[in-house]
Amino acid sequence: MKKVLSIVLALALVLAIAAPAFASAPAPITDSAKLATGGTVKVDGETSVGIVKVTLPGASKMIVNPYGLTVITKAETSPGAGYPETSNKQVIYPTQYIASNSTAALDVTATVTGVVAGNAKLVAEPFDPIATHTAGEKVPNNLFLVMQTKDVTAGATPSEPSWTDPAKTDTITAGDYVADGNGYIHSTIVSSRGAATKVGKLAASADTGDDAETTYVAFRMAGLVEKNPTTPWTDKDKVTATIAFTFAPVKSTS
């Protein structure tokens, strides 16, 4: 599955006005007849936005795993070199990172749009994936999907954050950040009509004169999948997503 990641950098500009360092000074006024006309001084202006450098990850595969099967997510590097990494989650997607080496703190906004294929159906609320259904009830191939984001402590490399999977009893409101004991997780519900939502903040580089320190926002996909639909799941029933990220300098409060 391919994800299209687009960037729109909306940067507030700070105007710095200064006289050119090597500009020649106007000639002295030595004639009293010219005092009334005086002279002019040119003030050159320039705009300084500091260092702007935001890096997005490449495309990654999301696996919908309705029956909770054991799926190999990372093979062993060579025969006998440790065990492969596996997962039995219903939605499998590796943690990805947005990285910034910018000298300004940036608010991160995302618009996530899902496209379904086959019998897959995106729903807007969590549900019980193994609920008991009445005889003859039509049960769709429902999928509740969220993009979770989390700010990560700055460092040379990002550290994997602790995530909390969505539960059938969750109430998720757009724009809410939820404290889960491991910091704040923001969940953006994936639908066919994506809406722009603030999902995190990339802190400024520690050295405002350089871009030496990297800051991160982590994101992943998670969700709930109906295990017993009327029409069994096939490999044709899937969802792809487009995530459009935008960035804007954090508004100053001083």
C-alpha atoms as a PDB file:
ATOM      1  CA  MET A   1       0.000   0.000   0.000  1.00  0.00           C
ATOM      2  CA  LYS A   2       1.298   3.356  -0.888  1.00  0.00           C
ATOM      3  CA  LYS A   3       0.767   6.446   1.204  1.00  0.00           C
ATOM      4  CA  VAL A   4       1.070   9.849  -0.265  1.00  0.00           C
ATOM      5  CA  LEU A   5       2.613  12.272   2.153  1.00  0.00           C
ATOM      6  CA  SER A   6       2.395  15.899   1.219  1.00  0.00           C
ATOM      7  CA  ILE A   7       3.920  18.912   2.963  1.00  0.00           C
ATOM      8  CA  VAL A   8       2.687  22.477   3.134  1.00  0.00           C
ATOM      9  CA  LEU A   9       5.059  24.682   5.178  1.00  0.00           C
ATOM     10  CA  ALA A  10       3.143  27.740   6.396  1.00  0.00           C
ATOM     11  CA  LEU A  11       5.912  29.886   7.897  1.00  0.00           C
ATOM     12  CA  ALA A  12       5.404  33.177   9.758  1.00  0.00           C
ATOM     13  CA  LEU A  13       8.030  35.658   8.630  1.00  0.00           C
ATOM     14  CA  VAL A  14       9.990  37.966  10.912  1.00  0.00           C
ATOM     15  CA  LEU A  15      11.243  41.134   9.231  1.00  0.00           C
ATOM     16  CA  ALA A  16      14.769  42.186  10.097  1.00  0.00           C
ATOM     17  CA  ILE A  17      15.755  45.663   8.926  1.00  0.00           C
ATOM     18  CA  ALA A  18      19.368  46.729   8.880  1.00  0.00           C
ATOM     19  CA  ALA A  19      21.662  49.034   6.935  1.00  0.00           C
ATOM     20  CA  PRO A  20      24.031  47.224   4.568  1.00  0.00           C
ATOM     21  CA  ALA A  21      27.323  46.480   6.271  1.00  0.00           C
ATOM     22  CA  PHE A  22      29.426  47.863   3.409  1.00  0.00           C
ATOM     23  CA  ALA A  23      27.147  50.615   2.079  1.00  0.00           C
ATOM     24  CA  SER A  24      28.966  53.858   1.274  1.00  0.00           C
ATOM     25  CA  ALA A  25      27.930  56.836   3.387  1.00  0.00           C
ATOM     26  CA  PRO A  26      26.307  59.862   1.666  1.00  0.00           C
ATOM     27  CA  ALA A  27      28.644  62.746   0.962  1.00  0.00           C
ATOM     28  CA  PRO A  28      28.636  65.500   3.636  1.00  0.00           C
ATOM     29  CA  ILE A  29      26.402  68.514   3.026  1.00  0.00           C
ATOM     30  CA  THR A  30      28.766  71.495   2.863  1.00  0.00           C
ATOM     31  CA  ASP A  31      26.610  74.010   1.011  1.00  0.00           C
ATOM     32  CA  SER A  32      24.087  75.920   3.160  1.00  0.00           C
ATOM     33  CA  ALA A  33      21.826  76.232   0.117  1.00  0.00           C
ATOM     34  CA  LYS A  34      21.397  72.435   0.143  1.00  0.00           C
ATOM     35  CA  LEU A  35      20.431  72.108   3.808  1.00  0.00           C
ATOM     36  CA  ALA A  36      16.723  72.407   3.016  1.00  0.00           C
ATOM     37  CA  THR A  37      16.823  69.610   0.485  1.00  0.00           C
ATOM     38  CA  GLY A  38      18.896  67.403   2.783  1.00  0.00           C
ATOM     39  CA  GLY A  39      19.712  63.836   1.670  1.00  0.00           C
ATOM     40  CA  THR A  40      18.394  60.277   1.684  1.00  0.00           C
ATOM     41  CA  VAL A  41      19.443  57.120   3.472  1.00  0.00           C
ATOM     42  CA  LYS A  42      18.506  53.739   1.977  1.00  0.00           C
ATOM     43  CA  VAL A  43      17.350  51.061   4.412  1.00  0.00           C
ATOM     44  CA  ASP A  44      17.534  47.536   2.962  1.00  0.00           C
ATOM     45  CA  GLY A  45      15.214  44.882   4.415  1.00  0.00           C
ATOM     46  CA  GLU A  46      15.534  41.121   4.580  1.00  0.00           C
ATOM     47  CA  THR A  47      13.363  38.331   5.938  1.00  0.00           C
ATOM     48  CA  SER A  48      14.830  35.762   8.320  1.00  0.00           C
ATOM     49  CA  VAL A  49      13.041  32.458   8.904  1.00  0.00           C
ATOM     50  CA  GLY A  50      15.941  30.609  10.475  1.00  0.00           C
ATOM     51  CA  ILE A  51      16.578  27.015   9.502  1.00  0.00           C
ATOM     52  CA  VAL A  52      13.637  25.046   8.110  1.00  0.00           C
ATOM     53  CA  LYS A  53      14.194  21.300   7.728  1.00  0.00           C
ATOM     54  CA  VAL A  54      11.391  18.743   8.133  1.00  0.00           C
ATOM     55  CA  THR A  55      11.821  15.139   7.000  1.00  0.00           C
ATOM     56  CA  LEU A  56       8.937  12.728   6.382  1.00  0.00           C
ATOM     57  CA  PRO A  57       9.233   8.926   6.166  1.00  0.00           C
ATOM     58  CA  GLY A  58       8.656   6.959   2.993  1.00  0.00           C
ATOM     59  CA  ALA A  59       5.658   4.752   2.297  1.00  0.00           C
ATOM     60  CA  SER A  60       5.017   1.733   4.541  1.00  0.00           C
ATOM     61  CA  LYS A  61       2.559  -1.160   4.443  1.00  0.00           C
ATOM     62  CA  MET A  62      -0.471  -1.398   6.727  1.00  0.00           C
ATOM     63  CA  ILE A  63      -1.848  -4.915   7.275  1.00  0.00           C
ATOM     64  CA  VAL A  64      -5.464  -5.512   8.300  1.00  0.00           C
ATOM     65  CA  ASN A  65      -5.443  -8.761  10.281  1.00  0.00           C
ATOM     66  CA  PRO A  66      -9.091  -9.420  11.248  1.00  0.00           C
ATOM     67  CA  TYR A  67      -8.555 -12.874  12.733  1.00  0.00           C
ATOM     68  CA  GLY A  68      -5.529 -11.953  14.834  1.00  0.00           C
ATOM     69  CA  LEU A  69      -3.167 -14.304  13.016  1.00  0.00           C
ATOM     70  CA  THR A  70       0.556 -14.264  13.748  1.00  0.00           C
ATOM     71  CA  VAL A  71       2.148 -12.117  11.041  1.00  0.00           C
ATOM     72  CA  ILE A  72       5.890 -11.747  10.534  1.00  0.00           C
ATOM     73  CA  THR A  73       6.657  -8.030  10.559  1.00  0.00           C
ATOM     74  CA  LYS A  74      10.445  -8.324  10.335  1.00  0.00           C
ATOM     75  CA  ALA A  75      12.307 -11.400   9.125  1.00  0.00           C
ATOM     76  CA  GLU A  76      15.499 -12.588  10.758  1.00  0.00           C
ATOM     77  CA  THR A  77      18.518 -10.937   9.180  1.00  0.00           C
ATOM     78  CA  SER A  78      20.089 -14.291   8.337  1.00  0.00           C
ATOM     79  CA  PRO A  79      19.306 -17.969   9.064  1.00  0.00           C
ATOM     80  CA  GLY A  80      19.703 -18.632  12.770  1.00  0.00           C
ATOM     81  CA  ALA A  81      20.348 -14.974  13.608  1.00  0.00           C
ATOM     82  CA  GLY A  82      17.624 -14.551  16.210  1.00  0.00           C
ATOM     83  CA  TYR A  83      13.873 -14.856  15.864  1.00  0.00           C
ATOM     84  CA  PRO A  84      11.779 -12.840  13.408  1.00  0.00           C
ATOM     85  CA  GLU A  85       9.525 -10.122  14.827  1.00  0.00           C
ATOM     86  CA  THR A  86       5.811 -10.930  14.747  1.00  0.00           C
ATOM     87  CA  SER A  87       2.470  -9.338  15.601  1.00  0.00           C
ATOM     88  CA  ASN A  88      -1.092 -10.598  16.037  1.00  0.00           C
ATOM     89  CA  LYS A  89      -2.740  -7.170  16.257  1.00  0.00           C
ATOM     90  CA  GLN A  90      -5.778  -6.569  14.064  1.00  0.00           C
ATOM     91  CA  VAL A  91      -4.109  -3.538  12.474  1.00  0.00           C
ATOM     92  CA  ILE A  92      -0.361  -3.835  11.928  1.00  0.00           C
ATOM     93  CA  TYR A  93       1.677  -0.792  11.004  1.00  0.00           C
ATOM     94  CA  PRO A  94       5.226   0.123  12.059  1.00  0.00           C
ATOM     95  CA  THR A  95       5.837   3.312  14.022  1.00  0.00           C
ATOM     96  CA  GLN A  96       6.978   6.107  11.708  1.00  0.00           C
ATOM     97  CA  TYR A  97       8.685   9.387  12.561  1.00  0.00           C
ATOM     98  CA  ILE A  98       8.502  12.952  11.323  1.00  0.00           C
ATOM     99  CA  ALA A  99      11.871  14.595  12.047  1.00  0.00           C
ATOM    100  CA  SER A 100      12.663  18.290  12.369  1.00  0.00           C
ATOM    101  CA  ASN A 101      15.943  20.169  12.523  1.00  0.00           C
ATOM    102  CA  SER A 102      14.207  23.528  12.354  1.00  0.00           C
ATOM    103  CA  THR A 103      15.096  26.438  14.617  1.00  0.00           C
ATOM    104  CA  ALA A 104      11.422  27.183  15.251  1.00  0.00           C
ATOM    105  CA  ALA A 105       8.919  24.949  17.035  1.00  0.00           C
ATOM    106  CA  LEU A 106       6.319  23.674  14.568  1.00  0.00           C
ATOM    107  CA  ASP A 107       2.700  22.661  15.100  1.00  0.00           C
ATOM    108  CA  VAL A 108       1.884  19.526  13.098  1.00  0.00           C
ATOM    109  CA  THR A 109      -1.515  19.171  11.426  1.00  0.00           C
ATOM    110  CA  ALA A 110      -2.668  16.093   9.544  1.00  0.00           C
ATOM    111  CA  THR A 111      -5.525  15.243   7.212  1.00  0.00           C
ATOM    112  CA  VAL A 112      -6.028  11.479   6.956  1.00  0.00           C
ATOM    113  CA  THR A 113      -8.254  10.144   4.184  1.00  0.00           C
ATOM    114  CA  GLY A 114      -9.096   6.459   3.859  1.00  0.00           C
ATOM    115  CA  VAL A 115     -10.148   4.604   0.714  1.00  0.00           C
ATOM    116  CA  VAL A 116     -11.730   1.155   1.048  1.00  0.00           C
ATOM    117  CA  ALA A 117     -11.792  -1.730  -1.417  1.00  0.00           C
ATOM    118  CA  GLY A 118     -13.910  -4.864  -1.601  1.00  0.00           C
ATOM    119  CA  ASN A 119     -16.335  -5.272   1.316  1.00  0.00           C
ATOM    120  CA  ALA A 120     -14.272  -3.286   3.824  1.00  0.00           C
ATOM    121  CA  LYS A 121     -16.188  -0.480   5.549  1.00  0.00           C
ATOM    122  CA  LEU A 122     -14.718   2.310   7.683  1.00  0.00           C
ATOM    123  CA  VAL A 123     -16.793   3.244  10.738  1.00  0.00           C
ATOM    124  CA  ALA A 124     -16.552   6.322  12.941  1.00  0.00           C
ATOM    125  CA  GLU A 125     -16.762   4.727  16.405  1.00  0.00           C
ATOM    126  CA  PRO A 126     -15.055   1.848  18.251  1.00  0.00           C
ATOM    127  CA  PHE A 127     -16.989  -1.415  18.485  1.00  0.00           C
ATOM    128  CA  ASP A 128     -16.682  -4.935  19.874  1.00  0.00           C
ATOM    129  CA  PRO A 129     -14.996  -6.992  17.131  1.00  0.00           C
ATOM    130  CA  ILE A 130     -16.286 -10.269  18.571  1.00  0.00           C
ATOM    131  CA  ALA A 131     -19.790  -9.174  19.552  1.00  0.00           C
ATOM    132  CA  THR A 132     -22.570 -11.772  19.417  1.00  0.00           C
ATOM    133  CA  HIS A 133     -24.965 -11.192  16.529  1.00  0.00           C
ATOM    134  CA  THR A 134     -28.542 -12.387  16.133  1.00  0.00           C
ATOM    135  CA  ALA A 135     -29.394 -15.079  13.600  1.00  0.00           C
ATOM    136  CA  GLY A 136     -29.807 -13.650  10.126  1.00  0.00           C
ATOM    137  CA  GLU A 137     -28.298 -10.283  11.098  1.00  0.00           C
ATOM    138  CA  LYS A 138     -26.345  -8.592   8.320  1.00  0.00           C
ATOM    139  CA  VAL A 139     -22.868  -7.901   9.738  1.00  0.00           C
ATOM    140  CA  PRO A 140     -20.621  -5.666   7.573  1.00  0.00           C
ATOM    141  CA  ASN A 141     -16.844  -5.965   7.284  1.00  0.00           C
ATOM    142  CA  ASN A 142     -16.401  -3.059   9.664  1.00  0.00           C
ATOM    143  CA  LEU A 143     -13.049  -1.451  10.408  1.00  0.00           C
ATOM    144  CA  PHE A 144     -12.434   1.295  12.959  1.00  0.00           C
ATOM    145  CA  LEU A 145      -9.108   2.889  12.071  1.00  0.00           C
ATOM    146  CA  VAL A 146      -7.171   5.686  13.772  1.00  0.00           C
ATOM    147  CA  MET A 147      -3.844   7.358  13.191  1.00  0.00           C
ATOM    148  CA  GLN A 148      -2.165   7.809  16.565  1.00  0.00           C
ATOM    149  CA  THR A 149       0.526  10.448  17.062  1.00  0.00           C
ATOM    150  CA  LYS A 150       2.868  11.209  19.923  1.00  0.00           C
ATOM    151  CA  ASP A 151       5.591  13.787  20.537  1.00  0.00           C
ATOM    152  CA  VAL A 152       8.995  12.159  21.118  1.00  0.00           C
ATOM    153  CA  THR A 153      11.906  13.440  23.205  1.00  0.00           C
ATOM    154  CA  ALA A 154      14.636  14.995  21.054  1.00  0.00           C
ATOM    155  CA  GLY A 155      17.747  12.963  20.391  1.00  0.00           C
ATOM    156  CA  ALA A 156      20.144  11.619  17.802  1.00  0.00           C
ATOM    157  CA  THR A 157      17.670   8.825  16.985  1.00  0.00           C
ATOM    158  CA  PRO A 158      13.990   8.520  17.944  1.00  0.00           C
ATOM    159  CA  SER A 159      12.953   6.165  20.713  1.00  0.00           C
ATOM    160  CA  GLU A 160       9.902   3.925  20.227  1.00  0.00           C
ATOM    161  CA  PRO A 161       7.076   5.424  22.312  1.00  0.00           C
ATOM    162  CA  SER A 162       4.648   3.387  24.396  1.00  0.00           C
ATOM    163  CA  TRP A 163       1.311   3.105  22.616  1.00  0.00           C
ATOM    164  CA  THR A 164      -2.164   2.264  23.899  1.00  0.00           C
ATOM    165  CA  ASP A 165      -4.360   0.389  21.433  1.00  0.00           C
ATOM    166  CA  PRO A 166      -7.913   1.646  20.914  1.00  0.00           C
ATOM    167  CA  ALA A 167     -10.528  -0.293  22.900  1.00  0.00           C
ATOM    168  CA  LYS A 168     -14.160  -1.077  22.158  1.00  0.00           C
ATOM    169  CA  THR A 169     -15.279   1.217  25.005  1.00  0.00           C
ATOM    170  CA  ASP A 170     -13.232   4.261  23.933  1.00  0.00           C
ATOM    171  CA  THR A 171     -14.831   7.595  23.194  1.00  0.00           C
ATOM    172  CA  ILE A 172     -12.648   9.509  20.773  1.00  0.00           C
ATOM    173  CA  THR A 173     -13.318  13.175  20.046  1.00  0.00           C
ATOM    174  CA  ALA A 174     -11.512  14.937  17.219  1.00  0.00           C
ATOM    175  CA  GLY A 175      -8.831  17.269  18.532  1.00  0.00           C
ATOM    176  CA  ASP A 176      -8.488  15.586  21.945  1.00  0.00           C
ATOM    177  CA  TYR A 177      -5.144  14.592  23.401  1.00  0.00           C
ATOM    178  CA  VAL A 178      -5.495  11.687  25.824  1.00  0.00           C
ATOM    179  CA  ALA A 179      -3.060  11.070  28.698  1.00  0.00           C
ATOM    180  CA  ASP A 180      -2.457   7.331  28.918  1.00  0.00           C
ATOM    181  CA  GLY A 181       0.266   7.300  31.579  1.00  0.00           C
ATOM    182  CA  ASN A 182       2.970   7.357  28.915  1.00  0.00           C
ATOM    183  CA  GLY A 183       2.498  10.925  27.755  1.00  0.00           C
ATOM    184  CA  TYR A 184      -0.149  12.216  25.380  1.00  0.00           C
ATOM    185  CA  ILE A 185      -1.521  10.282  22.428  1.00  0.00           C
ATOM    186  CA  HIS A 186      -3.639  11.964  19.792  1.00  0.00           C
ATOM    187  CA  SER A 187      -5.986   9.756  17.768  1.00  0.00           C
ATOM    188  CA  THR A 188      -7.282  10.907  14.389  1.00  0.00           C
ATOM    189  CA  ILE A 189     -10.203   8.834  13.103  1.00  0.00           C
ATOM    190  CA  VAL A 190      -9.646   7.713   9.518  1.00  0.00           C
ATOM    191  CA  SER A 191     -12.640   8.273   7.246  1.00  0.00           C
ATOM    192  CA  SER A 192     -13.375   8.836   3.579  1.00  0.00           C
ATOM    193  CA  ARG A 193     -13.687  12.548   4.385  1.00  0.00           C
ATOM    194  CA  GLY A 194     -10.442  13.596   6.009  1.00  0.00           C
ATOM    195  CA  ALA A 195     -10.462  16.676   8.237  1.00  0.00           C
ATOM    196  CA  ALA A 196      -7.413  18.737   9.173  1.00  0.00           C
ATOM    197  CA  THR A 197      -6.550  18.110  12.835  1.00  0.00           C
ATOM    198  CA  LYS A 198      -3.658  19.281  14.980  1.00  0.00           C
ATOM    199  CA  VAL A 199      -1.776  16.123  15.941  1.00  0.00           C
ATOM    200  CA  GLY A 200       1.451  17.198  17.646  1.00  0.00           C
ATOM    201  CA  LYS A 201       4.345  19.614  17.967  1.00  0.00           C
ATOM    202  CA  LEU A 202       7.921  19.406  16.729  1.00  0.00           C
ATOM    203  CA  ALA A 203      10.064  21.202  19.309  1.00  0.00           C
ATOM    204  CA  ALA A 204      12.655  23.717  18.172  1.00  0.00           C
ATOM    205  CA  SER A 205      16.257  22.692  17.736  1.00  0.00           C
ATOM    206  CA  ALA A 206      18.137  23.200  21.014  1.00  0.00           C
ATOM    207  CA  ASP A 207      20.700  25.464  19.331  1.00  0.00           C
ATOM    208  CA  THR A 208      18.772  28.233  17.586  1.00  0.00           C
ATOM    209  CA  GLY A 209      21.803  29.071  15.473  1.00  0.00           C
ATOM    210  CA  ASP A 210      22.183  25.562  14.105  1.00  0.00           C
ATOM    211  CA  ASP A 211      20.117  22.492  13.236  1.00  0.00           C
ATOM    212  CA  ALA A 212      22.165  20.027  15.269  1.00  0.00           C
ATOM    213  CA  GLU A 213      19.395  18.592  17.433  1.00  0.00           C
ATOM    214  CA  THR A 214      16.593  16.510  15.919  1.00  0.00           C
ATOM    215  CA  THR A 215      13.066  16.487  17.325  1.00  0.00           C
ATOM    216  CA  TYR A 216      10.333  14.023  16.403  1.00  0.00           C
ATOM    217  CA  VAL A 217       6.630  13.287  16.197  1.00  0.00           C
ATOM    218  CA  ALA A 218       5.852   9.559  16.006  1.00  0.00           C
ATOM    219  CA  PHE A 219       2.767   8.160  14.285  1.00  0.00           C
ATOM    220  CA  ARG A 220       1.191   4.791  13.561  1.00  0.00           C
ATOM    221  CA  MET A 221      -2.100   3.203  12.510  1.00  0.00           C
ATOM    222  CA  ALA A 222      -4.217   1.161  14.932  1.00  0.00           C
ATOM    223  CA  GLY A 223      -7.791  -0.056  15.094  1.00  0.00           C
ATOM    224  CA  LEU A 224     -10.515  -2.648  15.559  1.00  0.00           C
ATOM    225  CA  VAL A 225     -11.738  -5.105  12.903  1.00  0.00           C
ATOM    226  CA  GLU A 226     -14.960  -7.164  12.802  1.00  0.00           C
ATOM    227  CA  LYS A 227     -14.008 -10.839  13.182  1.00  0.00           C
ATOM    228  CA  ASN A 228     -17.309 -12.393  12.141  1.00  0.00           C
ATOM    229  CA  PRO A 229     -18.815 -10.496   9.218  1.00  0.00           C
ATOM    230  CA  THR A 230     -21.586 -12.052   7.167  1.00  0.00           C
ATOM    231  CA  THR A 231     -19.223 -12.206   4.197  1.00  0.00           C
ATOM    232  CA  PRO A 232     -15.844 -13.543   5.348  1.00  0.00           C
ATOM    233  CA  TRP A 233     -12.817 -11.329   4.850  1.00  0.00           C
ATOM    234  CA  THR A 234     -10.694 -11.825   1.735  1.00  0.00           C
ATOM    235  CA  ASP A 235      -7.455 -10.237   0.559  1.00  0.00           C
ATOM    236  CA  LYS A 236      -9.578  -7.971  -1.671  1.00  0.00           C
ATOM    237  CA  ASP A 237     -11.092  -6.264   1.381  1.00  0.00           C
ATOM    238  CA  LYS A 238      -8.624  -3.584   2.375  1.00  0.00           C
ATOM    239  CA  VAL A 239      -8.080   0.084   3.048  1.00  0.00           C
ATOM    240  CA  THR A 240      -5.443   2.522   1.863  1.00  0.00           C
ATOM    241  CA  ALA A 241      -4.832   5.954   3.309  1.00  0.00           C
ATOM    242  CA  THR A 242      -3.430   9.314   2.333  1.00  0.00           C
ATOM    243  CA  ILE A 243      -1.879  11.425   5.098  1.00  0.00           C
ATOM    244  CA  ALA A 244      -1.348  15.104   4.287  1.00  0.00           C
ATOM    245  CA  PHE A 245       0.868  16.800   6.874  1.00  0.00           C
ATOM    246  CA  THR A 246       1.179  20.566   7.246  1.00  0.00           C
ATOM    247  CA  PHE A 247       3.466  22.560   9.524  1.00  0.00           C
ATOM    248  CA  ALA A 248       3.271  26.044  11.018  1.00  0.00           C
ATOM    249  CA  PRO A 249       5.468  27.883  13.557  1.00  0.00           C
ATOM    250  CA  VAL A 250       4.039  27.732  17.077  1.00  0.00           C
ATOM    251  CA  LYS A 251       2.467  31.081  17.942  1.00  0.00           C
ATOM    252  CA  SER A 252       4.527  33.111  20.367  1.00  0.00           C
ATOM    253  CA  THR A 253       3.013  33.962  23.763  1.00  0.00           C
ATOM    254  CA  SER A 254       5.583  36.589  24.695  1.00  0.00           C
END
